[in-house]
Amino acid sequence: MLSILIALVLLVAGVGVVYLLLRRMNEEGIDIAAPGSCRRGGCRVPGRPLVDAAEQMPQLADNSDERRKPEA
């Protein structure tokens, strides 16, 4: 019974600390929102298209065939 009470006290203390941290960040002007949310201006904005890794980093595409061939 005592361990359950201690766990609940620690849980409430942790929630309180997170609440105070988020409130302080909001007061300092740090935007607390998920990426792409309406608070960050991403509301109703279509997502970026997926890009192939070879297009992002062409240096990987150049050497990819050479690494796959076993050395004889």
PDB file of N, CA and C in Angstrom:
ATOM      1  N   MET A   1       0.825  -1.193   0.000  1.00  0.00           N
ATOM      2  CA  MET A   1       0.000   0.000   0.000  1.00  0.00           C
ATOM      3  C   MET A   1       0.870   1.258   0.000  1.00  0.00           C
ATOM      4  N   LEU A   2       1.938   1.215   0.791  1.00  0.00           N
ATOM      5  CA  LEU A   2       2.835   2.369   0.874  1.00  0.00           C
ATOM      6  C   LEU A   2       3.519   2.626  -0.468  1.00  0.00           C
ATOM      7  N   SER A   3       3.871   1.553  -1.191  1.00  0.00           N
ATOM      8  CA  SER A   3       4.539   1.731  -2.482  1.00  0.00           C
ATOM      9  C   SER A   3       3.596   2.364  -3.510  1.00  0.00           C
ATOM     10  N   ILE A   4       2.310   2.018  -3.449  1.00  0.00           N
ATOM     11  CA  ILE A   4       1.339   2.624  -4.367  1.00  0.00           C
ATOM     12  C   ILE A   4       1.194   4.110  -4.076  1.00  0.00           C
ATOM     13  N   LEU A   5       1.156   4.469  -2.813  1.00  0.00           N
ATOM     14  CA  LEU A   5       1.050   5.868  -2.422  1.00  0.00           C
ATOM     15  C   LEU A   5       2.279   6.664  -2.871  1.00  0.00           C
ATOM     16  N   ILE A   6       3.452   6.088  -2.714  1.00  0.00           N
ATOM     17  CA  ILE A   6       4.689   6.750  -3.149  1.00  0.00           C
ATOM     18  C   ILE A   6       4.692   6.917  -4.669  1.00  0.00           C
ATOM     19  N   ALA A   7       4.246   5.900  -5.390  1.00  0.00           N
ATOM     20  CA  ALA A   7       4.193   5.984  -6.854  1.00  0.00           C
ATOM     21  C   ALA A   7       3.233   7.082  -7.301  1.00  0.00           C
ATOM     22  N   LEU A   8       2.077   7.195  -6.652  1.00  0.00           N
ATOM     23  CA  LEU A   8       1.116   8.240  -7.008  1.00  0.00           C
ATOM     24  C   LEU A   8       1.667   9.638  -6.708  1.00  0.00           C
ATOM     25  N   VAL A   9       2.362   9.785  -5.591  1.00  0.00           N
ATOM     26  CA  VAL A   9       2.956  11.081  -5.247  1.00  0.00           C
ATOM     27  C   VAL A   9       4.014  11.462  -6.282  1.00  0.00           C
ATOM     28  N   LEU A  10       4.842  10.502  -6.674  1.00  0.00           N
ATOM     29  CA  LEU A  10       5.863  10.786  -7.687  1.00  0.00           C
ATOM     30  C   LEU A  10       5.236  11.115  -9.041  1.00  0.00           C
ATOM     31  N   LEU A  11       4.151  10.438  -9.377  1.00  0.00           N
ATOM     32  CA  LEU A  11       3.461  10.717 -10.631  1.00  0.00           C
ATOM     33  C   LEU A  11       2.893  12.129 -10.635  1.00  0.00           C
ATOM     34  N   VAL A  12       2.236  12.520  -9.553  1.00  0.00           N
ATOM     35  CA  VAL A  12       1.670  13.869  -9.459  1.00  0.00           C
ATOM     36  C   VAL A  12       2.783  14.915  -9.485  1.00  0.00           C
ATOM     37  N   ALA A  13       3.890  14.652  -8.825  1.00  0.00           N
ATOM     38  CA  ALA A  13       5.004  15.596  -8.841  1.00  0.00           C
ATOM     39  C   ALA A  13       5.583  15.738 -10.246  1.00  0.00           C
ATOM     40  N   GLY A  14       5.709  14.637 -10.975  1.00  0.00           N
ATOM     41  CA  GLY A  14       6.223  14.688 -12.341  1.00  0.00           C
ATOM     42  C   GLY A  14       5.311  15.462 -13.274  1.00  0.00           C
ATOM     43  N   VAL A  15       4.016  15.236 -13.148  1.00  0.00           N
ATOM     44  CA  VAL A  15       3.046  15.973 -13.972  1.00  0.00           C
ATOM     45  C   VAL A  15       3.109  17.458 -13.649  1.00  0.00           C
ATOM     46  N   GLY A  16       3.247  17.791 -12.376  1.00  0.00           N
ATOM     47  CA  GLY A  16       3.355  19.194 -11.980  1.00  0.00           C
ATOM     48  C   GLY A  16       4.587  19.864 -12.553  1.00  0.00           C
ATOM     49  N   VAL A  17       5.704  19.167 -12.547  1.00  0.00           N
ATOM     50  CA  VAL A  17       6.947  19.728 -13.087  1.00  0.00           C
ATOM     51  C   VAL A  17       6.811  19.972 -14.588  1.00  0.00           C
ATOM     52  N   VAL A  18       6.235  19.025 -15.310  1.00  0.00           N
ATOM     53  CA  VAL A  18       6.052  19.196 -16.756  1.00  0.00           C
ATOM     54  C   VAL A  18       5.113  20.364 -17.033  1.00  0.00           C
ATOM     55  N   TYR A  19       4.042  20.481 -16.251  1.00  0.00           N
ATOM     56  CA  TYR A  19       3.108  21.593 -16.426  1.00  0.00           C
ATOM     57  C   TYR A  19       3.801  22.932 -16.217  1.00  0.00           C
ATOM     58  N   LEU A  20       4.586  23.051 -15.141  1.00  0.00           N
ATOM     59  CA  LEU A  20       5.287  24.313 -14.868  1.00  0.00           C
ATOM     60  C   LEU A  20       6.309  24.624 -15.950  1.00  0.00           C
ATOM     61  N   LEU A  21       6.998  23.606 -16.451  1.00  0.00           N
ATOM     62  CA  LEU A  21       7.978  23.809 -17.515  1.00  0.00           C
ATOM     63  C   LEU A  21       7.304  24.321 -18.784  1.00  0.00           C
ATOM     64  N   LEU A  22       6.192  23.694 -19.168  1.00  0.00           N
ATOM     65  CA  LEU A  22       5.485  24.131 -20.369  1.00  0.00           C
ATOM     66  C   LEU A  22       4.903  25.526 -20.201  1.00  0.00           C
ATOM     67  N   ARG A  23       4.407  25.847 -19.027  1.00  0.00           N
ATOM     68  CA  ARG A  23       3.853  27.180 -18.783  1.00  0.00           C
ATOM     69  C   ARG A  23       4.954  28.240 -18.865  1.00  0.00           C
ATOM     70  N   ARG A  24       6.119  27.941 -18.299  1.00  0.00           N
ATOM     71  CA  ARG A  24       7.234  28.892 -18.345  1.00  0.00           C
ATOM     72  C   ARG A  24       7.720  29.087 -19.782  1.00  0.00           C
ATOM     73  N   MET A  25       7.792  27.999 -20.541  1.00  0.00           N
ATOM     74  CA  MET A  25       8.218  28.117 -21.936  1.00  0.00           C
ATOM     75  C   MET A  25       7.230  28.972 -22.719  1.00  0.00           C
ATOM     76  N   ASN A  26       5.939  28.816 -22.459  1.00  0.00           N
ATOM     77  CA  ASN A  26       4.926  29.598 -23.155  1.00  0.00           C
ATOM     78  C   ASN A  26       5.043  31.081 -22.789  1.00  0.00           C
ATOM     79  N   GLU A  27       5.339  31.374 -21.533  1.00  0.00           N
ATOM     80  CA  GLU A  27       5.494  32.766 -21.102  1.00  0.00           C
ATOM     81  C   GLU A  27       6.717  33.415 -21.737  1.00  0.00           C
ATOM     82  N   GLU A  28       7.755  32.625 -22.013  1.00  0.00           N
ATOM     83  CA  GLU A  28       8.976  33.153 -22.627  1.00  0.00           C
ATOM     84  C   GLU A  28       8.844  33.271 -24.145  1.00  0.00           C
ATOM     85  N   GLY A  29       7.727  32.836 -24.693  1.00  0.00           N
ATOM     86  CA  GLY A  29       7.509  32.970 -26.123  1.00  0.00           C
ATOM     87  C   GLY A  29       7.927  31.783 -26.946  1.00  0.00           C
ATOM     88  N   ILE A  30       8.275  30.685 -26.299  1.00  0.00           N
ATOM     89  CA  ILE A  30       8.648  29.477 -27.027  1.00  0.00           C
ATOM     90  C   ILE A  30       7.367  28.745 -27.399  1.00  0.00           C
ATOM     91  N   ASP A  31       7.161  28.530 -28.692  1.00  0.00           N
ATOM     92  CA  ASP A  31       5.939  27.908 -29.172  1.00  0.00           C
ATOM     93  C   ASP A  31       5.970  26.414 -28.877  1.00  0.00           C
ATOM     94  N   ILE A  32       4.961  25.941 -28.183  1.00  0.00           N
ATOM     95  CA  ILE A  32       4.886  24.534 -27.818  1.00  0.00           C
ATOM     96  C   ILE A  32       3.764  23.912 -28.631  1.00  0.00           C
ATOM     97  N   ALA A  33       4.123  23.368 -29.779  1.00  0.00           N
ATOM     98  CA  ALA A  33       3.120  22.735 -30.637  1.00  0.00           C
ATOM     99  C   ALA A  33       3.821  21.683 -31.487  1.00  0.00           C
ATOM    100  N   ALA A  34       3.062  20.732 -31.920  1.00  0.00           N
ATOM    101  CA  ALA A  34       3.601  19.674 -32.767  1.00  0.00           C
ATOM    102  C   ALA A  34       3.942  20.238 -34.145  1.00  0.00           C
ATOM    103  N   PRO A  35       4.951  19.680 -34.812  1.00  0.00           N
ATOM    104  CA  PRO A  35       5.272  20.133 -36.162  1.00  0.00           C
ATOM    105  C   PRO A  35       4.081  19.941 -37.092  1.00  0.00           C
ATOM    106  N   GLY A  36       3.778  20.969 -37.874  1.00  0.00           N
ATOM    107  CA  GLY A  36       2.668  20.912 -38.807  1.00  0.00           C
ATOM    108  C   GLY A  36       1.328  21.269 -38.198  1.00  0.00           C
ATOM    109  N   SER A  37       1.320  21.665 -36.929  1.00  0.00           N
ATOM    110  CA  SER A  37       0.046  22.005 -36.302  1.00  0.00           C
ATOM    111  C   SER A  37      -0.382  23.414 -36.696  1.00  0.00           C
ATOM    112  N   CYS A  38      -1.628  23.749 -36.422  1.00  0.00           N
ATOM    113  CA  CYS A  38      -2.159  25.062 -36.787  1.00  0.00           C
ATOM    114  C   CYS A  38      -1.456  26.181 -36.018  1.00  0.00           C
ATOM    115  N   ARG A  39      -0.979  25.918 -34.825  1.00  0.00           N
ATOM    116  CA  ARG A  39      -0.301  26.956 -34.053  1.00  0.00           C
ATOM    117  C   ARG A  39       1.035  27.345 -34.684  1.00  0.00           C
ATOM    118  N   ARG A  40       1.616  26.457 -35.479  1.00  0.00           N
ATOM    119  CA  ARG A  40       2.877  26.759 -36.159  1.00  0.00           C
ATOM    120  C   ARG A  40       2.660  27.206 -37.591  1.00  0.00           C
ATOM    121  N   GLY A  41       1.430  27.418 -37.978  1.00  0.00           N
ATOM    122  CA  GLY A  41       1.149  27.879 -39.330  1.00  0.00           C
ATOM    123  C   GLY A  41       1.123  26.778 -40.359  1.00  0.00           C
ATOM    124  N   GLY A  42       1.072  25.547 -39.946  1.00  0.00           N
ATOM    125  CA  GLY A  42       1.076  24.441 -40.883  1.00  0.00           C
ATOM    126  C   GLY A  42      -0.294  23.853 -41.122  1.00  0.00           C
ATOM    127  N   CYS A  43      -1.318  24.546 -40.695  1.00  0.00           N
ATOM    128  CA  CYS A  43      -2.678  24.034 -40.824  1.00  0.00           C
ATOM    129  C   CYS A  43      -3.105  24.078 -42.297  1.00  0.00           C
ATOM    130  N   ARG A  44      -3.643  22.974 -42.773  1.00  0.00           N
ATOM    131  CA  ARG A  44      -4.134  22.842 -44.147  1.00  0.00           C
ATOM    132  C   ARG A  44      -3.037  23.036 -45.191  1.00  0.00           C
ATOM    133  N   VAL A  45      -1.817  22.763 -44.828  1.00  0.00           N
ATOM    134  CA  VAL A  45      -0.710  22.852 -45.771  1.00  0.00           C
ATOM    135  C   VAL A  45      -0.363  21.435 -46.195  1.00  0.00           C
ATOM    136  N   PRO A  46      -0.378  21.141 -47.475  1.00  0.00           N
ATOM    137  CA  PRO A  46      -0.059  19.777 -47.898  1.00  0.00           C
ATOM    138  C   PRO A  46       1.381  19.424 -47.533  1.00  0.00           C
ATOM    139  N   GLY A  47       1.592  18.175 -47.223  1.00  0.00           N
ATOM    140  CA  GLY A  47       2.922  17.710 -46.852  1.00  0.00           C
ATOM    141  C   GLY A  47       3.881  17.740 -48.024  1.00  0.00           C
ATOM    142  N   ARG A  48       5.157  17.715 -47.682  1.00  0.00           N
ATOM    143  CA  ARG A  48       6.173  17.687 -48.732  1.00  0.00           C
ATOM    144  C   ARG A  48       6.194  16.311 -49.382  1.00  0.00           C
ATOM    145  N   PRO A  49       6.439  16.256 -50.685  1.00  0.00           N
ATOM    146  CA  PRO A  49       6.504  14.950 -51.340  1.00  0.00           C
ATOM    147  C   PRO A  49       7.720  14.169 -50.864  1.00  0.00           C
ATOM    148  N   LEU A  50       7.590  12.855 -50.873  1.00  0.00           N
ATOM    149  CA  LEU A  50       8.703  12.012 -50.482  1.00  0.00           C
ATOM    150  C   LEU A  50       9.817  12.116 -51.512  1.00  0.00           C
ATOM    151  N   VAL A  51      11.043  12.165 -51.038  1.00  0.00           N
ATOM    152  CA  VAL A  51      12.199  12.300 -51.917  1.00  0.00           C
ATOM    153  C   VAL A  51      13.047  11.051 -51.761  1.00  0.00           C
ATOM    154  N   ASP A  52      13.506  10.532 -52.885  1.00  0.00           N
ATOM    155  CA  ASP A  52      14.366   9.365 -52.879  1.00  0.00           C
ATOM    156  C   ASP A  52      15.705   9.732 -52.246  1.00  0.00           C
ATOM    157  N   ALA A  53      16.288   8.813 -51.514  1.00  0.00           N
ATOM    158  CA  ALA A  53      17.565   9.078 -50.847  1.00  0.00           C
ATOM    159  C   ALA A  53      18.660   9.392 -51.866  1.00  0.00           C
ATOM    160  N   ALA A  54      18.603   8.780 -53.050  1.00  0.00           N
ATOM    161  CA  ALA A  54      19.607   9.041 -54.076  1.00  0.00           C
ATOM    162  C   ALA A  54      19.509  10.480 -54.579  1.00  0.00           C
ATOM    163  N   GLU A  55      18.296  11.051 -54.573  1.00  0.00           N
ATOM    164  CA  GLU A  55      18.144  12.438 -55.002  1.00  0.00           C
ATOM    165  C   GLU A  55      18.669  13.400 -53.951  1.00  0.00           C
ATOM    166  N   GLN A  56      18.502  13.044 -52.679  1.00  0.00           N
ATOM    167  CA  GLN A  56      18.970  13.920 -51.613  1.00  0.00           C
ATOM    168  C   GLN A  56      20.489  13.904 -51.508  1.00  0.00           C
ATOM    169  N   MET A  57      21.082  12.709 -51.606  1.00  0.00           N
ATOM    170  CA  MET A  57      22.523  12.580 -51.461  1.00  0.00           C
ATOM    171  C   MET A  57      23.079  11.805 -52.648  1.00  0.00           C
ATOM    172  N   PRO A  58      23.402  12.512 -53.720  1.00  0.00           N
ATOM    173  CA  PRO A  58      23.870  11.813 -54.926  1.00  0.00           C
ATOM    174  C   PRO A  58      25.168  11.050 -54.707  1.00  0.00           C
ATOM    175  N   GLN A  59      25.958  11.444 -53.731  1.00  0.00           N
ATOM    176  CA  GLN A  59      27.213  10.726 -53.503  1.00  0.00           C
ATOM    177  C   GLN A  59      26.955   9.293 -53.067  1.00  0.00           C
ATOM    178  N   LEU A  60      25.800   9.022 -52.461  1.00  0.00           N
ATOM    179  CA  LEU A  60      25.457   7.653 -52.099  1.00  0.00           C
ATOM    180  C   LEU A  60      25.072   6.850 -53.329  1.00  0.00           C
ATOM    181  N   ALA A  61      24.407   7.466 -54.268  1.00  0.00           N
ATOM    182  CA  ALA A  61      23.971   6.763 -55.475  1.00  0.00           C
ATOM    183  C   ALA A  61      25.158   6.388 -56.351  1.00  0.00           C
ATOM    184  N   ASP A  62      26.202   7.222 -56.375  1.00  0.00           N
ATOM    185  CA  ASP A  62      27.363   6.952 -57.222  1.00  0.00           C
ATOM    186  C   ASP A  62      28.098   5.691 -56.789  1.00  0.00           C
ATOM    187  N   ASN A  63      28.218   5.457 -55.499  1.00  0.00           N
ATOM    188  CA  ASN A  63      29.012   4.344 -54.994  1.00  0.00           C
ATOM    189  C   ASN A  63      28.174   3.128 -54.632  1.00  0.00           C
ATOM    190  N   SER A  64      26.878   3.200 -54.763  1.00  0.00           N
ATOM    191  CA  SER A  64      26.030   2.106 -54.287  1.00  0.00           C
ATOM    192  C   SER A  64      26.267   0.822 -55.073  1.00  0.00           C
ATOM    193  N   ASP A  65      26.452   0.911 -56.392  1.00  0.00           N
ATOM    194  CA  ASP A  65      26.661  -0.288 -57.196  1.00  0.00           C
ATOM    195  C   ASP A  65      28.021  -0.912 -56.912  1.00  0.00           C
ATOM    196  N   GLU A  66      29.017  -0.100 -56.666  1.00  0.00           N
ATOM    197  CA  GLU A  66      30.358  -0.612 -56.415  1.00  0.00           C
ATOM    198  C   GLU A  66      30.423  -1.369 -55.097  1.00  0.00           C
ATOM    199  N   ARG A  67      29.672  -0.916 -54.088  1.00  0.00           N
ATOM    200  CA  ARG A  67      29.710  -1.577 -52.791  1.00  0.00           C
ATOM    201  C   ARG A  67      28.987  -2.924 -52.810  1.00  0.00           C
ATOM    202  N   ARG A  68      28.024  -3.073 -53.691  1.00  0.00           N
ATOM    203  CA  ARG A  68      27.236  -4.294 -53.715  1.00  0.00           C
ATOM    204  C   ARG A  68      27.959  -5.432 -54.411  1.00  0.00           C
ATOM    205  N   LYS A  69      28.889  -5.107 -55.316  1.00  0.00           N
ATOM    206  CA  LYS A  69      29.598  -6.157 -56.054  1.00  0.00           C
ATOM    207  C   LYS A  69      30.690  -6.758 -55.166  1.00  0.00           C
ATOM    208  N   PRO A  70      30.726  -8.069 -55.060  1.00  0.00           N
ATOM    209  CA  PRO A  70      31.795  -8.686 -54.263  1.00  0.00           C
ATOM    210  C   PRO A  70      33.135  -8.543 -54.985  1.00  0.00           C
ATOM    211  N   GLU A  71      34.164  -8.352 -54.190  1.00  0.00           N
ATOM    212  CA  GLU A  71      35.507  -8.214 -54.783  1.00  0.00           C
ATOM    213  C   GLU A  71      36.028  -9.595 -55.150  1.00  0.00           C
ATOM    214  N   ALA A  72      36.636  -9.681 -56.329  1.00  0.00           N
ATOM    215  CA  ALA A  72      37.128 -10.974 -56.785  1.00  0.00           C
ATOM    216  C   ALA A  72      38.630 -11.036 -56.705  1.00  0.00           C
TER     217      ALA A  72
END
